[in-house]
C-alpha atoms as a PDB file:
ATOM      1  CA  ALA A   1      35.260  33.914   5.720  1.00  0.00           C
ATOM      2  CA  ARG A   2      32.621  35.866   6.791  1.00  0.00           C
ATOM      3  CA  ALA A   3      30.919  32.946   8.528  1.00  0.00           C
ATOM      4  CA  GLY A   4      34.135  32.763  10.823  1.00  0.00           C
ATOM      5  CA  PHE A   5      35.997  29.927   8.592  1.00  0.00           C
ATOM      6  CA  VAL A   6      39.529  29.999   8.031  1.00  0.00           C
ATOM      7  CA  VAL A   7      39.648  29.962   4.125  1.00  0.00           C
ATOM      8  CA  LEU A   8      42.651  29.206   1.805  1.00  0.00           C
ATOM      9  CA  ILE A   9      42.067  29.577  -1.989  1.00  0.00           C
ATOM     10  CA  HIS A  10      45.624  28.682  -3.411  1.00  0.00           C
ATOM     11  CA  ASP A  11      46.983  28.557  -6.968  1.00  0.00           C
ATOM     12  CA  THR A  12      47.546  25.176  -7.896  1.00  0.00           C
ATOM     13  CA  PHE A  13      49.875  23.747 -10.831  1.00  0.00           C
ATOM     14  CA  LEU A  14      48.434  25.219 -14.256  1.00  0.00           C
ATOM     15  CA  TRP A  15      46.179  28.059 -12.618  1.00  0.00           C
ATOM     16  CA  GLY A  16      46.925  31.530 -11.791  1.00  0.00           C
ATOM     17  CA  SER A  17      50.074  32.263 -10.372  1.00  0.00           C
ATOM     18  CA  ARG A  18      51.168  28.641 -11.238  1.00  0.00           C
ATOM     19  CA  ARG A  19      50.244  28.685 -14.871  1.00  0.00           C
ATOM     20  CA  PHE A  20      52.219  28.407 -18.015  1.00  0.00           C
ATOM     21  CA  PRO A  21      52.778  31.688 -19.731  1.00  0.00           C
ATOM     22  CA  LEU A  22      51.546  31.911 -23.257  1.00  0.00           C
ATOM     23  CA  ASP A  23      54.919  32.374 -24.663  1.00  0.00           C
ATOM     24  CA  THR A  24      56.578  29.079 -23.074  1.00  0.00           C
ATOM     25  CA  MET A  25      53.830  26.964 -24.594  1.00  0.00           C
ATOM     26  CA  PRO A  26      55.101  25.071 -27.473  1.00  0.00           C
ATOM     27  CA  GLU A  27      54.922  26.636 -30.750  1.00  0.00           C
ATOM     28  CA  PRO A  28      52.515  24.174 -32.570  1.00  0.00           C
ATOM     29  CA  ILE A  29      50.061  24.913 -29.731  1.00  0.00           C
ATOM     30  CA  ARG A  30      50.251  28.530 -30.218  1.00  0.00           C
ATOM     31  CA  ALA A  31      50.046  28.059 -34.278  1.00  0.00           C
ATOM     32  CA  LEU A  32      47.002  26.315 -33.691  1.00  0.00           C
ATOM     33  CA  VAL A  33      45.274  28.856 -31.409  1.00  0.00           C
ATOM     34  CA  ALA A  34      46.250  31.565 -33.879  1.00  0.00           C
ATOM     35  CA  ALA A  35      44.849  29.516 -36.941  1.00  0.00           C
ATOM     36  CA  SER A  36      41.699  29.099 -35.183  1.00  0.00           C
ATOM     37  CA  ARG A  37      41.189  32.364 -34.197  1.00  0.00           C
ATOM     38  CA  SER A  38      37.591  32.709 -35.522  1.00  0.00           C
ATOM     39  CA  LEU A  39      36.323  29.813 -32.818  1.00  0.00           C
ATOM     40  CA  TRP A  40      37.738  31.587 -29.598  1.00  0.00           C
ATOM     41  CA  GLU A  41      37.849  35.273 -30.805  1.00  0.00           C
ATOM     42  CA  PRO A  42      34.984  37.027 -28.657  1.00  0.00           C
ATOM     43  CA  ALA A  43      32.791  39.422 -30.565  1.00  0.00           C
ATOM     44  CA  ASN A  44      33.387  43.310 -29.748  1.00  0.00           C
ATOM     45  CA  ALA A  45      36.143  42.237 -27.272  1.00  0.00           C
ATOM     46  CA  ASN A  46      38.321  44.618 -25.661  1.00  0.00           C
ATOM     47  CA  PRO A  47      41.950  43.910 -25.543  1.00  0.00           C
ATOM     48  CA  SER A  48      42.283  42.257 -22.182  1.00  0.00           C
ATOM     49  CA  THR A  49      39.123  39.906 -22.801  1.00  0.00           C
ATOM     50  CA  GLU A  50      40.929  38.980 -26.108  1.00  0.00           C
ATOM     51  CA  GLU A  51      44.068  38.014 -24.381  1.00  0.00           C
ATOM     52  CA  ILE A  52      42.069  36.045 -21.899  1.00  0.00           C
ATOM     53  CA  ALA A  53      40.161  34.208 -24.436  1.00  0.00           C
ATOM     54  CA  GLN A  54      43.242  33.486 -26.403  1.00  0.00           C
ATOM     55  CA  TYR A  55      45.029  32.312 -23.272  1.00  0.00           C
ATOM     56  CA  ASN A  56      41.947  30.012 -22.320  1.00  0.00           C
ATOM     57  CA  ALA A  57      42.104  28.434 -26.007  1.00  0.00           C
ATOM     58  CA  ALA A  58      45.857  27.639 -25.703  1.00  0.00           C
ATOM     59  CA  ALA A  59      45.654  26.546 -22.073  1.00  0.00           C
ATOM     60  CA  ALA A  60      42.963  23.799 -23.177  1.00  0.00           C
ATOM     61  CA  HIS A  61      45.187  22.244 -25.889  1.00  0.00           C
ATOM     62  CA  HIS A  62      48.344  22.766 -23.518  1.00  0.00           C
ATOM     63  CA  GLU A  63      46.848  20.400 -20.631  1.00  0.00           C
ATOM     64  CA  GLY A  64      47.201  17.421 -22.966  1.00  0.00           C
ATOM     65  CA  TRP A  65      50.735  18.187 -23.624  1.00  0.00           C
ATOM     66  CA  VAL A  66      51.022  18.332 -19.623  1.00  0.00           C
ATOM     67  CA  GLU A  67      49.455  15.110 -19.032  1.00  0.00           C
ATOM     68  CA  GLU A  68      51.866  13.377 -21.408  1.00  0.00           C
ATOM     69  CA  TYR A  69      54.805  14.867 -19.664  1.00  0.00           C
ATOM     70  CA  CYS A  70      53.683  13.717 -16.540  1.00  0.00           C
ATOM     71  CA  ALA A  71      53.126  10.024 -17.930  1.00  0.00           C
ATOM     72  CA  LEU A  72      56.782  10.326 -18.881  1.00  0.00           C
ATOM     73  CA  LEU A  73      57.680  11.466 -15.413  1.00  0.00           C
ATOM     74  CA  GLY A  74      55.700   8.649 -13.958  1.00  0.00           C
ATOM     75  CA  THR A  75      52.688  10.580 -12.580  1.00  0.00           C
ATOM     76  CA  THR A  76      49.527  11.928 -13.596  1.00  0.00           C
ATOM     77  CA  LEU A  77      47.851  15.592 -13.732  1.00  0.00           C
ATOM     78  CA  ALA A  78      45.394  14.432 -11.154  1.00  0.00           C
ATOM     79  CA  GLY A  79      48.037  13.276  -8.998  1.00  0.00           C
ATOM     80  CA  VAL A  80      50.111  16.184  -9.144  1.00  0.00           C
ATOM     81  CA  VAL A  81      47.262  18.750  -8.523  1.00  0.00           C
ATOM     82  CA  SER A  82      46.005  16.321  -5.380  1.00  0.00           C
ATOM     83  CA  HIS A  83      49.350  16.417  -4.026  1.00  0.00           C
ATOM     84  CA  GLU A  84      49.350  20.074  -4.071  1.00  0.00           C
ATOM     85  CA  ASP A  85      45.972  20.300  -2.476  1.00  0.00           C
ATOM     86  CA  ARG A  86      47.057  17.926   0.307  1.00  0.00           C
ATOM     87  CA  VAL A  87      50.080  20.344   0.861  1.00  0.00           C
ATOM     88  CA  ALA A  88      47.465  22.857   1.291  1.00  0.00           C
ATOM     89  CA  VAL A  89      45.504  20.891   3.916  1.00  0.00           C
ATOM     90  CA  ASN A  90      48.654  20.347   5.768  1.00  0.00           C
ATOM     91  CA  TYR A  91      49.222  24.163   6.000  1.00  0.00           C
ATOM     92  CA  MET A  92      45.764  24.522   7.329  1.00  0.00           C
ATOM     93  CA  GLN A  93      46.174  21.930   9.871  1.00  0.00           C
ATOM     94  CA  SER A  94      49.280  23.743  10.839  1.00  0.00           C
ATOM     95  CA  ARG A  95      47.812  27.001  11.684  1.00  0.00           C
ATOM     96  CA  PRO A  96      46.742  27.786  15.272  1.00  0.00           C
ATOM     97  CA  ASP A  97      43.518  29.288  14.377  1.00  0.00           C
ATOM     98  CA  VAL A  98      42.329  26.052  12.662  1.00  0.00           C
ATOM     99  CA  VAL A  99      40.572  23.657  14.994  1.00  0.00           C
ATOM    100  CA  ALA A 100      41.979  20.237  14.749  1.00  0.00           C
ATOM    101  CA  GLY A 101      39.765  17.858  12.553  1.00  0.00           C
ATOM    102  CA  GLY A 102      37.727  20.843  11.054  1.00  0.00           C
ATOM    103  CA  VAL A 103      39.138  21.063   7.535  1.00  0.00           C
ATOM    104  CA  GLY A 104      36.862  20.661   4.624  1.00  0.00           C
ATOM    105  CA  CYS A 105      36.886  21.610   1.025  1.00  0.00           C
ATOM    106  CA  VAL A 106      34.428  23.031  -1.655  1.00  0.00           C
ATOM    107  CA  GLY A 107      34.814  23.329  -5.463  1.00  0.00           C
ATOM    108  CA  LEU A 108      32.939  24.197  -8.770  1.00  0.00           C
ATOM    109  CA  SER A 109      33.620  22.486 -11.865  1.00  0.00           C
ATOM    110  CA  GLY A 110      37.547  21.864 -11.780  1.00  0.00           C
ATOM    111  CA  GLY A 111      37.403  22.664  -8.349  1.00  0.00           C
ATOM    112  CA  GLY A 112      34.602  20.103  -7.854  1.00  0.00           C
ATOM    113  CA  ASN A 113      37.233  17.786  -9.739  1.00  0.00           C
ATOM    114  CA  ARG A 114      40.146  18.566  -7.133  1.00  0.00           C
ATOM    115  CA  ALA A 115      37.168  18.255  -4.114  1.00  0.00           C
ATOM    116  CA  ALA A 116      36.650  14.692  -5.258  1.00  0.00           C
ATOM    117  CA  LEU A 117      40.414  13.999  -5.497  1.00  0.00           C
ATOM    118  CA  LEU A 118      40.995  15.351  -2.097  1.00  0.00           C
ATOM    119  CA  GLN A 119      38.124  13.895  -0.750  1.00  0.00           C
ATOM    120  CA  ALA A 120      39.529  10.481  -1.902  1.00  0.00           C
ATOM    121  CA  THR A 121      43.116  10.824  -0.941  1.00  0.00           C
ATOM    122  CA  CYS A 122      43.441  13.057   2.185  1.00  0.00           C
ATOM    123  CA  GLU A 123      42.134  11.649   5.617  1.00  0.00           C
ATOM    124  CA  GLY A 124      42.606  15.425   6.606  1.00  0.00           C
ATOM    125  CA  ILE A 125      39.622  16.279   5.104  1.00  0.00           C
ATOM    126  CA  ALA A 126      36.840  16.301   7.242  1.00  0.00           C
ATOM    127  CA  ALA A 127      34.044  16.805   4.917  1.00  0.00           C
ATOM    128  CA  ALA A 128      33.705  17.711   1.198  1.00  0.00           C
ATOM    129  CA  VAL A 129      31.331  19.449  -1.218  1.00  0.00           C
ATOM    130  CA  ILE A 130      31.570  18.963  -5.239  1.00  0.00           C
ATOM    131  CA  VAL A 131      29.939  21.269  -7.291  1.00  0.00           C
ATOM    132  CA  GLY A 132      29.250  20.604 -11.103  1.00  0.00           C
ATOM    133  CA  LEU A 133      31.627  17.832 -11.499  1.00  0.00           C
ATOM    134  CA  MET A 134      29.943  14.469 -10.997  1.00  0.00           C
ATOM    135  CA  THR A 135      28.647  11.874 -13.435  1.00  0.00           C
ATOM    136  CA  THR A 136      29.393   8.199 -14.638  1.00  0.00           C
ATOM    137  CA  TYR A 137      32.264   7.373 -17.013  1.00  0.00           C
ATOM    138  CA  ALA A 138      29.776   5.380 -19.122  1.00  0.00           C
ATOM    139  CA  THR A 139      27.479   8.220 -19.960  1.00  0.00           C
ATOM    140  CA  LEU A 140      30.163  10.579 -21.131  1.00  0.00           C
ATOM    141  CA  LEU A 141      30.448   8.406 -24.298  1.00  0.00           C
ATOM    142  CA  ASP A 142      30.368   9.443 -26.998  1.00  0.00           C
ATOM    143  CA  HIS A 143      29.523  12.939 -27.101  1.00  0.00           C
ATOM    144  CA  HIS A 144      30.753  14.655 -23.463  1.00  0.00           C
ATOM    145  CA  MET A 145      34.617  13.993 -23.589  1.00  0.00           C
ATOM    146  CA  SER A 146      35.417  17.586 -23.527  1.00  0.00           C
ATOM    147  CA  HIS A 147      36.928  17.457 -19.719  1.00  0.00           C
ATOM    148  CA  THR A 148      40.057  18.214 -18.251  1.00  0.00           C
ATOM    149  CA  TRP A 149      42.524  15.203 -17.698  1.00  0.00           C
ATOM    150  CA  MET A 150      41.882  15.375 -13.833  1.00  0.00           C
ATOM    151  CA  LEU A 151      38.721  13.614 -14.558  1.00  0.00           C
ATOM    152  CA  PHE A 152      40.651  10.549 -15.834  1.00  0.00           C
ATOM    153  CA  PRO A 153      43.319   9.587 -13.891  1.00  0.00           C
ATOM    154  CA  HIS A 154      45.306   7.250 -15.593  1.00  0.00           C
ATOM    155  CA  GLY A 155      44.195   3.602 -14.954  1.00  0.00           C
ATOM    156  CA  TRP A 156      41.558   4.371 -12.559  1.00  0.00           C
ATOM    157  CA  ALA A 157      38.938   3.252 -14.818  1.00  0.00           C
ATOM    158  CA  ARG A 158      40.310  -0.249 -14.426  1.00  0.00           C
ATOM    159  CA  HIS A 159      39.245  -0.236 -10.826  1.00  0.00           C
ATOM    160  CA  GLY A 160      36.151   2.034 -10.422  1.00  0.00           C
ATOM    161  CA  ASP A 161      34.114   4.792 -11.863  1.00  0.00           C
ATOM    162  CA  TRP A 162      34.269   8.148 -10.755  1.00  0.00           C
ATOM    163  CA  PRO A 163      31.677   8.333  -8.061  1.00  0.00           C
ATOM    164  CA  ASP A 164      33.350   5.393  -6.803  1.00  0.00           C
ATOM    165  CA  LEU A 165      36.498   7.574  -6.190  1.00  0.00           C
ATOM    166  CA  ALA A 166      34.299  10.434  -4.667  1.00  0.00           C
ATOM    167  CA  ALA A 167      32.851   7.956  -2.283  1.00  0.00           C
ATOM    168  CA  SER A 168      35.895   6.062  -1.431  1.00  0.00           C
ATOM    169  CA  ARG A 169      36.481   7.278   2.008  1.00  0.00           C
ATOM    170  CA  VAL A 170      32.817   6.460   3.262  1.00  0.00           C
ATOM    171  CA  PRO A 171      31.574   7.337   5.599  1.00  0.00           C
ATOM    172  CA  ALA A 172      33.401  10.590   5.763  1.00  0.00           C
ATOM    173  CA  PRO A 173      30.636  13.599   4.904  1.00  0.00           C
ATOM    174  CA  LEU A 174      30.001  13.955   1.252  1.00  0.00           C
ATOM    175  CA  MET A 175      27.886  16.517  -0.474  1.00  0.00           C
ATOM    176  CA  VAL A 176      27.505  16.794  -4.279  1.00  0.00           C
ATOM    177  CA  GLN A 177      25.489  19.401  -6.026  1.00  0.00           C
ATOM    178  CA  TYR A 178      24.254  18.735  -9.628  1.00  0.00           C
ATOM    179  CA  ASP A 179      23.289  21.122 -12.172  1.00  0.00           C
ATOM    180  CA  LEU A 180      20.489  19.379 -14.184  1.00  0.00           C
ATOM    181  CA  ASP A 181      21.079  21.320 -17.116  1.00  0.00           C
ATOM    182  CA  ASP A 182      24.782  21.165 -17.436  1.00  0.00           C
ATOM    183  CA  ALA A 183      26.006  20.773 -20.773  1.00  0.00           C
ATOM    184  CA  LEU A 184      28.939  19.105 -19.578  1.00  0.00           C
ATOM    185  CA  PHE A 185      27.077  15.943 -18.398  1.00  0.00           C
ATOM    186  CA  THR A 186      23.905  14.048 -19.057  1.00  0.00           C
ATOM    187  CA  ARG A 187      20.957  13.944 -16.585  1.00  0.00           C
ATOM    188  CA  GLU A 188      21.146  10.215 -16.621  1.00  0.00           C
ATOM    189  CA  GLY A 189      24.888  10.364 -15.829  1.00  0.00           C
ATOM    190  CA  MET A 190      24.341  12.558 -12.948  1.00  0.00           C
ATOM    191  CA  GLN A 191      21.506  10.485 -11.744  1.00  0.00           C
ATOM    192  CA  ALA A 192      23.561   7.475 -12.110  1.00  0.00           C
ATOM    193  CA  ALA A 193      26.294   8.664 -10.157  1.00  0.00           C
ATOM    194  CA  HIS A 194      24.030  10.075  -7.353  1.00  0.00           C
ATOM    195  CA  GLU A 195      22.273   6.782  -6.841  1.00  0.00           C
ATOM    196  CA  ARG A 196      25.941   4.951  -7.033  1.00  0.00           C
ATOM    197  CA  ILE A 197      27.260   7.007  -4.348  1.00  0.00           C
ATOM    198  CA  ALA A 198      24.076   6.935  -2.072  1.00  0.00           C
ATOM    199  CA  ALA A 199      24.393   3.120  -2.437  1.00  0.00           C
ATOM    200  CA  CYS A 200      28.089   3.298  -0.925  1.00  0.00           C
ATOM    201  CA  TYR A 201      26.911   5.113   1.944  1.00  0.00           C
ATOM    202  CA  ARG A 202      23.979   2.550   2.188  1.00  0.00           C
ATOM    203  CA  GLU A 203      26.312  -0.247   2.442  1.00  0.00           C
ATOM    204  CA  VAL A 204      28.585   1.071   5.342  1.00  0.00           C
ATOM    205  CA  GLY A 205      25.411   1.897   7.316  1.00  0.00           C
ATOM    206  CA  ALA A 206      25.940   5.705   6.836  1.00  0.00           C
ATOM    207  CA  PRO A 207      23.285   6.931   4.350  1.00  0.00           C
ATOM    208  CA  GLU A 208      22.883  10.153   6.094  1.00  0.00           C
ATOM    209  CA  ALA A 209      26.506  10.935   5.391  1.00  0.00           C
ATOM    210  CA  TYR A 210      25.820  11.912   1.739  1.00  0.00           C
ATOM    211  CA  THR A 211      23.721  14.484   0.633  1.00  0.00           C
ATOM    212  CA  GLY A 212      23.131  14.796  -3.253  1.00  0.00           C
ATOM    213  CA  GLU A 213      21.263  18.197  -4.457  1.00  0.00           C
ATOM    214  CA  PHE A 214      19.722  18.685  -7.988  1.00  0.00           C
ATOM    215  CA  TYR A 215      19.276  22.263  -9.172  1.00  0.00           C
ATOM    216  CA  PRO A 216      17.851  23.658 -12.242  1.00  0.00           C
ATOM    217  CA  GLY A 217      20.064  25.441 -14.649  1.00  0.00           C
ATOM    218  CA  LEU A 218      23.421  25.504 -16.533  1.00  0.00           C
ATOM    219  CA  HIS A 219      26.836  24.855 -14.841  1.00  0.00           C
ATOM    220  CA  LYS A 220      27.064  26.874 -11.803  1.00  0.00           C
ATOM    221  CA  PHE A 221      27.513  27.377  -8.244  1.00  0.00           C
ATOM    222  CA  ASP A 222      25.020  30.463  -7.448  1.00  0.00           C
ATOM    223  CA  LEU A 223      23.853  32.007  -4.310  1.00  0.00           C
ATOM    224  CA  THR A 224      21.249  29.482  -3.360  1.00  0.00           C
ATOM    225  CA  MET A 225      23.588  26.661  -3.914  1.00  0.00           C
ATOM    226  CA  GLN A 226      26.398  28.201  -1.992  1.00  0.00           C
ATOM    227  CA  GLY A 227      24.084  28.878   0.977  1.00  0.00           C
ATOM    228  CA  ALA A 228      22.998  25.178   1.188  1.00  0.00           C
ATOM    229  CA  ALA A 229      26.740  24.067   0.862  1.00  0.00           C
ATOM    230  CA  PHE A 230      27.840  26.317   3.413  1.00  0.00           C
ATOM    231  CA  ALA A 231      25.248  25.539   5.637  1.00  0.00           C
ATOM    232  CA  TRP A 232      26.179  21.681   5.054  1.00  0.00           C
ATOM    233  CA  LEU A 233      29.932  22.365   5.886  1.00  0.00           C
ATOM    234  CA  THR A 234      29.286  24.150   8.990  1.00  0.00           C
ATOM    235  CA  ARG A 235      27.037  21.249  10.514  1.00  0.00           C
ATOM    236  CA  HIS A 236      29.903  19.011   9.545  1.00  0.00           C
ATOM    237  CA  LEU A 237      32.858  21.304  10.450  1.00  0.00           C
ATOM    238  CA  VAL A 238      31.577  23.504  13.261  1.00  0.00           C
ATOM    239  CA  VAL A 239      28.825  21.953  14.886  1.00  0.00           C
ATOM    240  CA  ALA A 240      30.553  18.554  15.070  1.00  0.00           C
ATOM    241  CA  GLN A 241      33.373  20.491  16.699  1.00  0.00           C
ATOM    242  CA  ASP A 242      31.198  22.148  18.957  1.00  0.00           C
ATOM    243  CA  ILE A 243      32.484  25.530  18.326  1.00  0.00           C
ATOM    244  CA  PRO A 244      30.445  28.563  18.854  1.00  0.00           C
ATOM    245  CA  PRO A 245      28.814  30.081  15.914  1.00  0.00           C
ATOM    246  CA  GLY A 246      31.031  32.810  14.371  1.00  0.00           C
ATOM    247  CA  GLY A 247      34.032  31.103  16.147  1.00  0.00           C
ATOM    248  CA  ASP A 248      37.041  30.133  13.825  1.00  0.00           C
END
């Protein structure tokens, strides 16, 4: 926002104001979380920290229930969240202070998952940055399967890999930032995903439209990574629109 962008950070389904209150979650989940208290209760926690840890533990189990409900209703969690994010893009495009064709997205972790889905499903996204959420499916087996259901849209694996989905709108500009020591993925999986995305962009004659960056460290989006990502977005969303620096 300080750089002159119009910024929208909205609560999507299951997060923030859109979350399920703990007392509305099924009793078996609440009982399971209570029984496994030693696994999630922070040491020397104050009441507010303990409450957050308890809710996060319950929400992790509850997401599976939500995915089952989505399946019964003919959709997926990835589909619901991506739909809501497209609604957010439509809102941005409706604002008079947003330049037409200049909407991008950036996210870390679950936000990176959402950025990948939005990049794949929304032509209104002019450039996307995915942070800390890129790998191949094969390298998740058998010990890196603790992820949101949004990473596994039902049936998608019959058609392609996760990096294929992220690159499905080639040559739309795409940046992916990888954390080399991220415990959620393997280095081999991240490197394989990078090579797969780069190949997609080379095949359409636009290798420069994809940027893959590797950073040492754990699962994060630190100031160095933010600076690189925002500078990249500025080049693709501001310079490409011929907007004076600092303009909306």
